[in-house]
PDB file of N, CA and C in Angstrom:
ATOM      1  N   MET A   1       0.834  -1.123  -0.019  1.00  0.00           N
ATOM      2  CA  MET A   1      -0.021   0.040  -0.039  1.00  0.00           C
ATOM      3  C   MET A   1       0.899   1.224   0.009  1.00  0.00           C
ATOM      4  N   ALA A   2       0.603   2.131  -0.868  1.00  0.00           N
ATOM      5  CA  ALA A   2       1.341   3.395  -0.988  1.00  0.00           C
ATOM      6  C   ALA A   2       0.664   4.415   0.053  1.00  0.00           C
ATOM      7  N   ARG A   3       1.460   5.095   0.795  1.00  0.00           N
ATOM      8  CA  ARG A   3       0.949   6.020   1.742  1.00  0.00           C
ATOM      9  C   ARG A   3       1.506   7.378   1.501  1.00  0.00           C
ATOM     10  N   VAL A   4       0.762   8.430   1.487  1.00  0.00           N
ATOM     11  CA  VAL A   4       1.199   9.774   1.270  1.00  0.00           C
ATOM     12  C   VAL A   4       0.680  10.652   2.428  1.00  0.00           C
ATOM     13  N   PRO A   5       1.669  11.154   3.200  1.00  0.00           N
ATOM     14  CA  PRO A   5       1.222  12.034   4.318  1.00  0.00           C
ATOM     15  C   PRO A   5       0.775  13.376   3.869  1.00  0.00           C
ATOM     16  N   TYR A   6      -0.160  13.857   4.568  1.00  0.00           N
ATOM     17  CA  TYR A   6      -0.568  15.181   4.258  1.00  0.00           C
ATOM     18  C   TYR A   6      -0.776  15.941   5.684  1.00  0.00           C
ATOM     19  N   LEU A   7      -0.027  17.045   5.899  1.00  0.00           N
ATOM     20  CA  LEU A   7      -0.084  17.828   7.126  1.00  0.00           C
ATOM     21  C   LEU A   7      -0.715  19.172   6.687  1.00  0.00           C
ATOM     22  N   GLY A   8      -1.708  19.550   7.371  1.00  0.00           N
ATOM     23  CA  GLY A   8      -2.336  20.854   6.964  1.00  0.00           C
ATOM     24  C   GLY A   8      -2.510  21.731   8.222  1.00  0.00           C
ATOM     25  N   MET A   9      -3.292  22.853   7.915  1.00  0.00           N
ATOM     26  CA  MET A   9      -3.565  23.809   8.921  1.00  0.00           C
ATOM     27  C   MET A   9      -4.476  23.216  10.059  1.00  0.00           C
ATOM     28  N   THR A  10      -5.219  22.179   9.688  1.00  0.00           N
ATOM     29  CA  THR A  10      -6.052  21.548  10.674  1.00  0.00           C
ATOM     30  C   THR A  10      -5.184  20.636  11.607  1.00  0.00           C
ATOM     31  N   ASP A  11      -5.630  20.358  12.768  1.00  0.00           N
ATOM     32  CA  ASP A  11      -4.847  19.454  13.601  1.00  0.00           C
ATOM     33  C   ASP A  11      -5.149  18.032  13.253  1.00  0.00           C
ATOM     34  N   ALA A  12      -4.712  17.703  11.918  1.00  0.00           N
ATOM     35  CA  ALA A  12      -5.046  16.470  11.456  1.00  0.00           C
ATOM     36  C   ALA A  12      -3.913  15.954  10.550  1.00  0.00           C
ATOM     37  N   ILE A  13      -3.798  14.633  10.475  1.00  0.00           N
ATOM     38  CA  ILE A  13      -2.870  13.979   9.536  1.00  0.00           C
ATOM     39  C   ILE A  13      -3.680  13.243   8.555  1.00  0.00           C
ATOM     40  N   TYR A  14      -3.489  13.384   7.287  1.00  0.00           N
ATOM     41  CA  TYR A  14      -4.201  12.740   6.197  1.00  0.00           C
ATOM     42  C   TYR A  14      -3.268  11.840   5.466  1.00  0.00           C
ATOM     43  N   ARG A  15      -3.633  10.603   5.225  1.00  0.00           N
ATOM     44  CA  ARG A  15      -2.801   9.734   4.402  1.00  0.00           C
ATOM     45  C   ARG A  15      -3.753   9.074   3.373  1.00  0.00           C
ATOM     46  N   ILE A  16      -3.144   9.139   2.102  1.00  0.00           N
ATOM     47  CA  ILE A  16      -3.855   8.455   1.055  1.00  0.00           C
ATOM     48  C   ILE A  16      -3.301   7.055   1.032  1.00  0.00           C
ATOM     49  N   VAL A  17      -4.226   6.044   1.002  1.00  0.00           N
ATOM     50  CA  VAL A  17      -3.831   4.576   0.910  1.00  0.00           C
ATOM     51  C   VAL A  17      -4.355   4.057  -0.380  1.00  0.00           C
ATOM     52  N   HIS A  18      -3.398   3.423  -1.112  1.00  0.00           N
ATOM     53  CA  HIS A  18      -3.761   2.738  -2.302  1.00  0.00           C
ATOM     54  C   HIS A  18      -4.188   1.341  -1.999  1.00  0.00           C
ATOM     55  N   ARG A  19      -5.455   0.929  -2.170  1.00  0.00           N
ATOM     56  CA  ARG A  19      -5.946  -0.401  -1.626  1.00  0.00           C
ATOM     57  C   ARG A  19      -5.677  -1.372  -2.638  1.00  0.00           C
ATOM     58  N   GLN A  20      -5.941  -2.615  -2.245  1.00  0.00           N
ATOM     59  CA  GLN A  20      -5.638  -3.838  -3.046  1.00  0.00           C
ATOM     60  C   GLN A  20      -6.565  -3.912  -4.261  1.00  0.00           C
ATOM     61  N   ASP A  21      -7.753  -3.338  -4.111  1.00  0.00           N
ATOM     62  CA  ASP A  21      -8.611  -3.405  -5.231  1.00  0.00           C
ATOM     63  C   ASP A  21      -8.539  -2.161  -6.281  1.00  0.00           C
ATOM     64  N   ASP A  22      -7.416  -1.489  -6.128  1.00  0.00           N
ATOM     65  CA  ASP A  22      -7.040  -0.328  -6.839  1.00  0.00           C
ATOM     66  C   ASP A  22      -7.897   0.908  -6.650  1.00  0.00           C
ATOM     67  N   SER A  23      -8.639   0.847  -5.600  1.00  0.00           N
ATOM     68  CA  SER A  23      -9.245   2.125  -5.121  1.00  0.00           C
ATOM     69  C   SER A  23      -8.259   2.800  -4.172  1.00  0.00           C
ATOM     70  N   PHE A  24      -8.761   4.013  -3.762  1.00  0.00           N
ATOM     71  CA  PHE A  24      -8.040   4.790  -2.736  1.00  0.00           C
ATOM     72  C   PHE A  24      -8.823   5.092  -1.505  1.00  0.00           C
ATOM     73  N   ALA A  25      -8.239   5.259  -0.466  1.00  0.00           N
ATOM     74  CA  ALA A  25      -8.826   5.670   0.741  1.00  0.00           C
ATOM     75  C   ALA A  25      -8.093   6.714   1.437  1.00  0.00           C
ATOM     76  N   VAL A  26      -8.711   7.511   2.302  1.00  0.00           N
ATOM     77  CA  VAL A  26      -8.022   8.551   3.118  1.00  0.00           C
ATOM     78  C   VAL A  26      -8.170   8.168   4.530  1.00  0.00           C
ATOM     79  N   GLU A  27      -7.020   8.070   5.243  1.00  0.00           N
ATOM     80  CA  GLU A  27      -7.005   7.831   6.683  1.00  0.00           C
ATOM     81  C   GLU A  27      -6.778   9.193   7.323  1.00  0.00           C
ATOM     82  N   ILE A  28      -7.692   9.468   8.335  1.00  0.00           N
ATOM     83  CA  ILE A  28      -7.661  10.834   8.954  1.00  0.00           C
ATOM     84  C   ILE A  28      -7.463  10.645  10.506  1.00  0.00           C
ATOM     85  N   ALA A  29      -6.403  11.255  10.986  1.00  0.00           N
ATOM     86  CA  ALA A  29      -6.088  11.179  12.452  1.00  0.00           C
ATOM     87  C   ALA A  29      -6.131  12.514  12.917  1.00  0.00           C
ATOM     88  N   ARG A  30      -7.089  12.900  13.750  1.00  0.00           N
ATOM     89  CA  ARG A  30      -7.167  14.235  14.450  1.00  0.00           C
ATOM     90  C   ARG A  30      -6.879  14.130  15.799  1.00  0.00           C
ATOM     91  N   THR A  31      -6.252  15.160  16.357  1.00  0.00           N
ATOM     92  CA  THR A  31      -5.867  15.233  17.790  1.00  0.00           C
ATOM     93  C   THR A  31      -7.074  15.083  18.571  1.00  0.00           C
ATOM     94  N   GLY A  32      -7.106  14.284  19.546  1.00  0.00           N
ATOM     95  CA  GLY A  32      -8.243  14.059  20.459  1.00  0.00           C
ATOM     96  C   GLY A  32      -9.367  13.384  19.900  1.00  0.00           C
ATOM     97  N   ALA A  33      -9.324  12.686  18.737  1.00  0.00           N
ATOM     98  CA  ALA A  33     -10.451  12.019  18.167  1.00  0.00           C
ATOM     99  C   ALA A  33     -10.061  10.632  17.705  1.00  0.00           C
ATOM    100  N   LEU A  34     -10.954   9.753  17.501  1.00  0.00           N
ATOM    101  CA  LEU A  34     -10.676   8.468  16.986  1.00  0.00           C
ATOM    102  C   LEU A  34     -10.313   8.591  15.510  1.00  0.00           C
ATOM    103  N   ALA A  35      -9.397   7.712  15.029  1.00  0.00           N
ATOM    104  CA  ALA A  35      -9.027   7.700  13.578  1.00  0.00           C
ATOM    105  C   ALA A  35     -10.222   7.288  12.707  1.00  0.00           C
ATOM    106  N   GLN A  36     -10.315   7.954  11.541  1.00  0.00           N
ATOM    107  CA  GLN A  36     -11.314   7.658  10.606  1.00  0.00           C
ATOM    108  C   GLN A  36     -10.819   7.311   9.270  1.00  0.00           C
ATOM    109  N   THR A  37     -11.587   6.652   8.464  1.00  0.00           N
ATOM    110  CA  THR A  37     -11.187   6.250   7.027  1.00  0.00           C
ATOM    111  C   THR A  37     -12.282   6.671   6.119  1.00  0.00           C
ATOM    112  N   ALA A  38     -11.987   7.440   5.093  1.00  0.00           N
ATOM    113  CA  ALA A  38     -12.933   7.754   4.030  1.00  0.00           C
ATOM    114  C   ALA A  38     -12.457   6.941   2.782  1.00  0.00           C
ATOM    115  N   ALA A  39     -13.376   5.957   2.349  1.00  0.00           N
ATOM    116  CA  ALA A  39     -12.925   5.020   1.298  1.00  0.00           C
ATOM    117  C   ALA A  39     -13.835   5.315   0.047  1.00  0.00           C
ATOM    118  N   GLY A  40     -13.422   4.591  -1.085  1.00  0.00           N
ATOM    119  CA  GLY A  40     -14.298   4.586  -2.222  1.00  0.00           C
ATOM    120  C   GLY A  40     -13.769   5.598  -3.258  1.00  0.00           C
ATOM    121  N   PHE A  41     -12.608   6.113  -3.202  1.00  0.00           N
ATOM    122  CA  PHE A  41     -12.095   7.093  -4.258  1.00  0.00           C
ATOM    123  C   PHE A  41     -11.428   6.255  -5.462  1.00  0.00           C
ATOM    124  N   THR A  42     -11.809   6.646  -6.643  1.00  0.00           N
ATOM    125  CA  THR A  42     -11.225   5.879  -7.741  1.00  0.00           C
ATOM    126  C   THR A  42      -9.931   6.312  -8.235  1.00  0.00           C
ATOM    127  N   THR A  43      -9.428   7.545  -7.836  1.00  0.00           N
ATOM    128  CA  THR A  43      -8.138   8.019  -8.164  1.00  0.00           C
ATOM    129  C   THR A  43      -7.578   8.741  -6.995  1.00  0.00           C
ATOM    130  N   GLU A  44      -6.229   8.759  -7.056  1.00  0.00           N
ATOM    131  CA  GLU A  44      -5.422   9.544  -5.999  1.00  0.00           C
ATOM    132  C   GLU A  44      -5.833  11.022  -6.048  1.00  0.00           C
ATOM    133  N   ALA A  45      -6.067  11.559  -7.256  1.00  0.00           N
ATOM    134  CA  ALA A  45      -6.458  13.007  -7.324  1.00  0.00           C
ATOM    135  C   ALA A  45      -7.791  13.219  -6.659  1.00  0.00           C
ATOM    136  N   GLU A  46      -8.753  12.304  -6.835  1.00  0.00           N
ATOM    137  CA  GLU A  46     -10.075  12.413  -6.239  1.00  0.00           C
ATOM    138  C   GLU A  46      -9.900  12.396  -4.766  1.00  0.00           C
ATOM    139  N   ALA A  47      -8.956  11.616  -4.126  1.00  0.00           N
ATOM    140  CA  ALA A  47      -8.770  11.559  -2.764  1.00  0.00           C
ATOM    141  C   ALA A  47      -8.173  12.880  -2.310  1.00  0.00           C
ATOM    142  N   SER A  48      -7.183  13.344  -2.984  1.00  0.00           N
ATOM    143  CA  SER A  48      -6.547  14.690  -2.704  1.00  0.00           C
ATOM    144  C   SER A  48      -7.526  15.782  -2.596  1.00  0.00           C
ATOM    145  N   ASN A  49      -8.447  15.846  -3.627  1.00  0.00           N
ATOM    146  CA  ASN A  49      -9.517  16.815  -3.651  1.00  0.00           C
ATOM    147  C   ASN A  49     -10.353  16.746  -2.388  1.00  0.00           C
ATOM    148  N   TRP A  50     -10.714  15.539  -1.980  1.00  0.00           N
ATOM    149  CA  TRP A  50     -11.559  15.324  -0.901  1.00  0.00           C
ATOM    150  C   TRP A  50     -10.841  15.890   0.441  1.00  0.00           C
ATOM    151  N   ILE A  51      -9.534  15.719   0.489  1.00  0.00           N
ATOM    152  CA  ILE A  51      -8.731  16.129   1.618  1.00  0.00           C
ATOM    153  C   ILE A  51      -8.857  17.663   1.657  1.00  0.00           C
ATOM    154  N   ALA A  52      -8.613  18.342   0.553  1.00  0.00           N
ATOM    155  CA  ALA A  52      -8.697  19.803   0.503  1.00  0.00           C
ATOM    156  C   ALA A  52      -9.976  20.272   0.939  1.00  0.00           C
ATOM    157  N   GLN A  53     -11.111  19.656   0.520  1.00  0.00           N
ATOM    158  CA  GLN A  53     -12.466  19.951   0.897  1.00  0.00           C
ATOM    159  C   GLN A  53     -12.650  19.752   2.410  1.00  0.00           C
ATOM    160  N   ASP A  54     -12.190  18.692   2.891  1.00  0.00           N
ATOM    161  CA  ASP A  54     -12.374  18.373   4.330  1.00  0.00           C
ATOM    162  C   ASP A  54     -11.660  19.420   5.169  1.00  0.00           C
ATOM    163  N   LYS A  55     -10.461  19.855   4.731  1.00  0.00           N
ATOM    164  CA  LYS A  55      -9.688  20.922   5.435  1.00  0.00           C
ATOM    165  C   LYS A  55     -10.480  22.132   5.458  1.00  0.00           C
ATOM    166  N   ARG A  56     -11.026  22.554   4.364  1.00  0.00           N
ATOM    167  CA  ARG A  56     -11.811  23.765   4.268  1.00  0.00           C
ATOM    168  C   ARG A  56     -13.106  23.779   5.111  1.00  0.00           C
ATOM    169  N   LEU A  57     -13.766  22.632   5.120  1.00  0.00           N
ATOM    170  CA  LEU A  57     -14.950  22.521   6.052  1.00  0.00           C
ATOM    171  C   LEU A  57     -14.572  22.572   7.527  1.00  0.00           C
ATOM    172  N   TRP A  58     -13.420  21.832   7.842  1.00  0.00           N
ATOM    173  CA  TRP A  58     -13.011  21.753   9.241  1.00  0.00           C
ATOM    174  C   TRP A  58     -12.634  23.011   9.681  1.00  0.00           C
ATOM    175  N   ASP A  59     -11.849  23.903   8.927  1.00  0.00           N
ATOM    176  CA  ASP A  59     -11.456  25.120   9.278  1.00  0.00           C
ATOM    177  C   ASP A  59     -12.612  26.193   9.461  1.00  0.00           C
ATOM    178  N   ALA A  60     -13.690  26.046   8.590  1.00  0.00           N
ATOM    179  CA  ALA A  60     -14.775  26.908   8.504  1.00  0.00           C
ATOM    180  C   ALA A  60     -15.652  26.662   9.638  1.00  0.00           C
ATOM    181  N   ALA A  61     -15.656  25.394  10.166  1.00  0.00           N
ATOM    182  CA  ALA A  61     -16.597  25.110  11.343  1.00  0.00           C
ATOM    183  C   ALA A  61     -16.214  25.859  12.641  1.00  0.00           C
ATOM    184  N   ASP A  62     -14.962  26.244  12.729  1.00  0.00           N
ATOM    185  CA  ASP A  62     -14.574  27.046  13.923  1.00  0.00           C
ATOM    186  C   ASP A  62     -13.543  28.148  13.514  1.00  0.00           C
ATOM    187  N   PRO A  63     -14.001  29.210  13.048  1.00  0.00           N
ATOM    188  CA  PRO A  63     -13.045  30.273  12.420  1.00  0.00           C
ATOM    189  C   PRO A  63     -12.126  30.837  13.531  1.00  0.00           C
ATOM    190  N   PHE A  64     -12.427  30.686  14.851  1.00  0.00           N
ATOM    191  CA  PHE A  64     -11.662  31.338  15.842  1.00  0.00           C
ATOM    192  C   PHE A  64     -10.569  30.320  16.415  1.00  0.00           C
ATOM    193  N   ARG A  65     -10.562  29.148  15.986  1.00  0.00           N
ATOM    194  CA  ARG A  65      -9.550  28.137  16.392  1.00  0.00           C
ATOM    195  C   ARG A  65      -8.233  28.608  15.778  1.00  0.00           C
ATOM    196  N   ALA A  66      -7.225  28.552  16.536  1.00  0.00           N
ATOM    197  CA  ALA A  66      -5.811  28.888  16.161  1.00  0.00           C
ATOM    198  C   ALA A  66      -5.271  27.816  15.267  1.00  0.00           C
ATOM    199  N   PRO A  67      -4.714  28.054  14.067  1.00  0.00           N
ATOM    200  CA  PRO A  67      -4.131  27.020  13.283  1.00  0.00           C
ATOM    201  C   PRO A  67      -2.989  26.265  13.877  1.00  0.00           C
ATOM    202  N   ALA A  68      -2.915  25.017  13.564  1.00  0.00           N
ATOM    203  CA  ALA A  68      -1.897  24.223  14.181  1.00  0.00           C
ATOM    204  C   ALA A  68      -0.455  24.918  14.037  1.00  0.00           C
ATOM    205  N   GLY A  69       0.297  24.836  15.101  1.00  0.00           N
ATOM    206  CA  GLY A  69       1.688  25.441  15.057  1.00  0.00           C
ATOM    207  C   GLY A  69       1.593  26.934  15.380  1.00  0.00           C
ATOM    208  N   ARG A  70       0.424  27.569  15.566  1.00  0.00           N
ATOM    209  CA  ARG A  70       0.273  29.027  15.902  1.00  0.00           C
ATOM    210  C   ARG A  70      -0.604  29.150  17.066  1.00  0.00           C
ATOM    211  N   ARG A  71      -0.306  28.467  18.133  1.00  0.00           N
ATOM    212  CA  ARG A  71      -1.125  28.406  19.377  1.00  0.00           C
ATOM    213  C   ARG A  71      -1.008  29.764  20.115  1.00  0.00           C
ATOM    214  N   TRP A  72      -1.978  30.124  20.852  1.00  0.00           N
ATOM    215  CA  TRP A  72      -2.020  31.312  21.654  1.00  0.00           C
ATOM    216  C   TRP A  72      -1.170  31.013  22.880  1.00  0.00           C
ATOM    217  N   ARG A  73      -0.226  31.841  23.263  1.00  0.00           N
ATOM    218  CA  ARG A  73       0.715  31.574  24.301  1.00  0.00           C
ATOM    219  C   ARG A  73       0.178  32.107  25.659  1.00  0.00           C
ATOM    220  N   GLY A  74      -0.778  33.069  25.613  1.00  0.00           N
ATOM    221  CA  GLY A  74      -1.392  33.620  26.857  1.00  0.00           C
ATOM    222  C   GLY A  74      -0.344  34.561  27.546  1.00  0.00           C
ATOM    223  N   GLY A  75      -0.846  35.213  28.456  1.00  0.00           N
ATOM    224  CA  GLY A  75       0.140  35.991  29.236  1.00  0.00           C
ATOM    225  C   GLY A  75      -0.264  37.428  29.393  1.00  0.00           C
TER     226      GLY A  75
END
Protein backbone atom coordinates (compact mmCIF):
# COMPACT_ATOMS: atom_id res chain seq x y z
CA MET A 1 0.00 0.00 0.00
CA ALA A 2 1.33 3.43 -0.92
CA ARG A 3 0.92 6.05 1.77
CA VAL A 4 1.20 9.78 1.23
CA PRO A 5 1.21 11.98 4.35
CA TYR A 6 -0.65 15.29 4.34
CA LEU A 7 -0.14 17.80 7.12
CA GLY A 8 -2.33 20.85 6.98
CA MET A 9 -3.56 23.79 8.97
CA THR A 10 -6.05 21.57 10.72
CA ASP A 11 -4.89 19.47 13.64
CA ALA A 12 -5.07 16.41 11.43
CA ILE A 13 -2.87 14.01 9.54
CA TYR A 14 -4.23 12.76 6.22
CA ARG A 15 -2.84 9.72 4.45
CA ILE A 16 -3.89 8.46 1.05
CA VAL A 17 -3.82 4.67 0.93
CA HIS A 18 -3.80 2.71 -2.34
CA ARG A 19 -5.92 -0.35 -1.64
CA GLN A 20 -5.60 -3.85 -3.07
CA ASP A 21 -8.70 -3.38 -5.25
CA ASP A 22 -6.99 -0.36 -6.90
CA SER A 23 -9.27 2.11 -5.15
CA PHE A 24 -7.99 4.78 -2.77
CA ALA A 25 -8.90 5.65 0.79
CA VAL A 26 -8.00 8.54 3.08
CA GLU A 27 -7.00 7.85 6.67
CA ILE A 28 -7.66 10.82 8.97
CA ALA A 29 -6.10 11.16 12.41
CA ARG A 30 -7.20 14.23 14.39
CA THR A 31 -5.85 15.23 17.75
CA GLY A 32 -8.21 14.05 20.48
CA ALA A 33 -10.44 12.01 18.17
CA LEU A 34 -10.66 8.43 16.96
CA ALA A 35 -9.00 7.73 13.60
CA GLN A 36 -11.36 7.65 10.62
CA THR A 37 -11.20 6.31 7.07
CA ALA A 38 -12.95 7.72 4.02
CA ALA A 39 -12.99 5.05 1.31
CA GLY A 40 -14.23 4.62 -2.24
CA PHE A 41 -12.11 7.05 -4.25
CA THR A 42 -11.30 5.88 -7.77
CA THR A 43 -8.15 8.01 -8.19
CA GLU A 44 -5.49 9.54 -5.98
CA ALA A 45 -6.45 12.97 -7.34
CA GLU A 46 -10.05 12.43 -6.19
CA ALA A 47 -8.78 11.54 -2.71
CA SER A 48 -6.54 14.64 -2.68
CA ASN A 49 -9.48 16.85 -3.65
CA TRP A 50 -11.53 15.32 -0.85
CA ILE A 51 -8.73 16.14 1.63
CA ALA A 52 -8.68 19.78 0.48
CA GLN A 53 -12.47 20.03 0.89
CA ASP A 54 -12.35 18.39 4.33
CA LYS A 55 -9.70 20.88 5.48
CA ARG A 56 -11.81 23.82 4.25
CA LEU A 57 -14.92 22.53 6.02
CA TRP A 58 -13.03 21.73 9.22
CA ASP A 59 -11.46 25.21 9.33
CA ALA A 60 -14.78 26.91 8.51
CA ALA A 61 -16.54 25.05 11.36
CA ASP A 62 -14.53 27.04 13.94
CA PRO A 63 -13.03 30.23 12.45
CA PHE A 64 -11.67 31.30 15.85
CA ARG A 65 -9.56 28.18 16.36
CA ALA A 66 -5.83 28.89 16.14
CA PRO A 67 -4.17 27.03 13.25
CA ALA A 68 -1.83 24.18 14.18
CA GLY A 69 1.63 25.49 15.05
CA ARG A 70 0.32 28.96 15.91
CA ARG A 71 -1.13 28.44 19.37
CA TRP A 72 -1.98 31.32 21.64
CA ARG A 73 0.69 31.58 24.34
CA GLY A 74 -1.33 33.62 26.84
CA GLY A 75 0.17 36.01 29.25
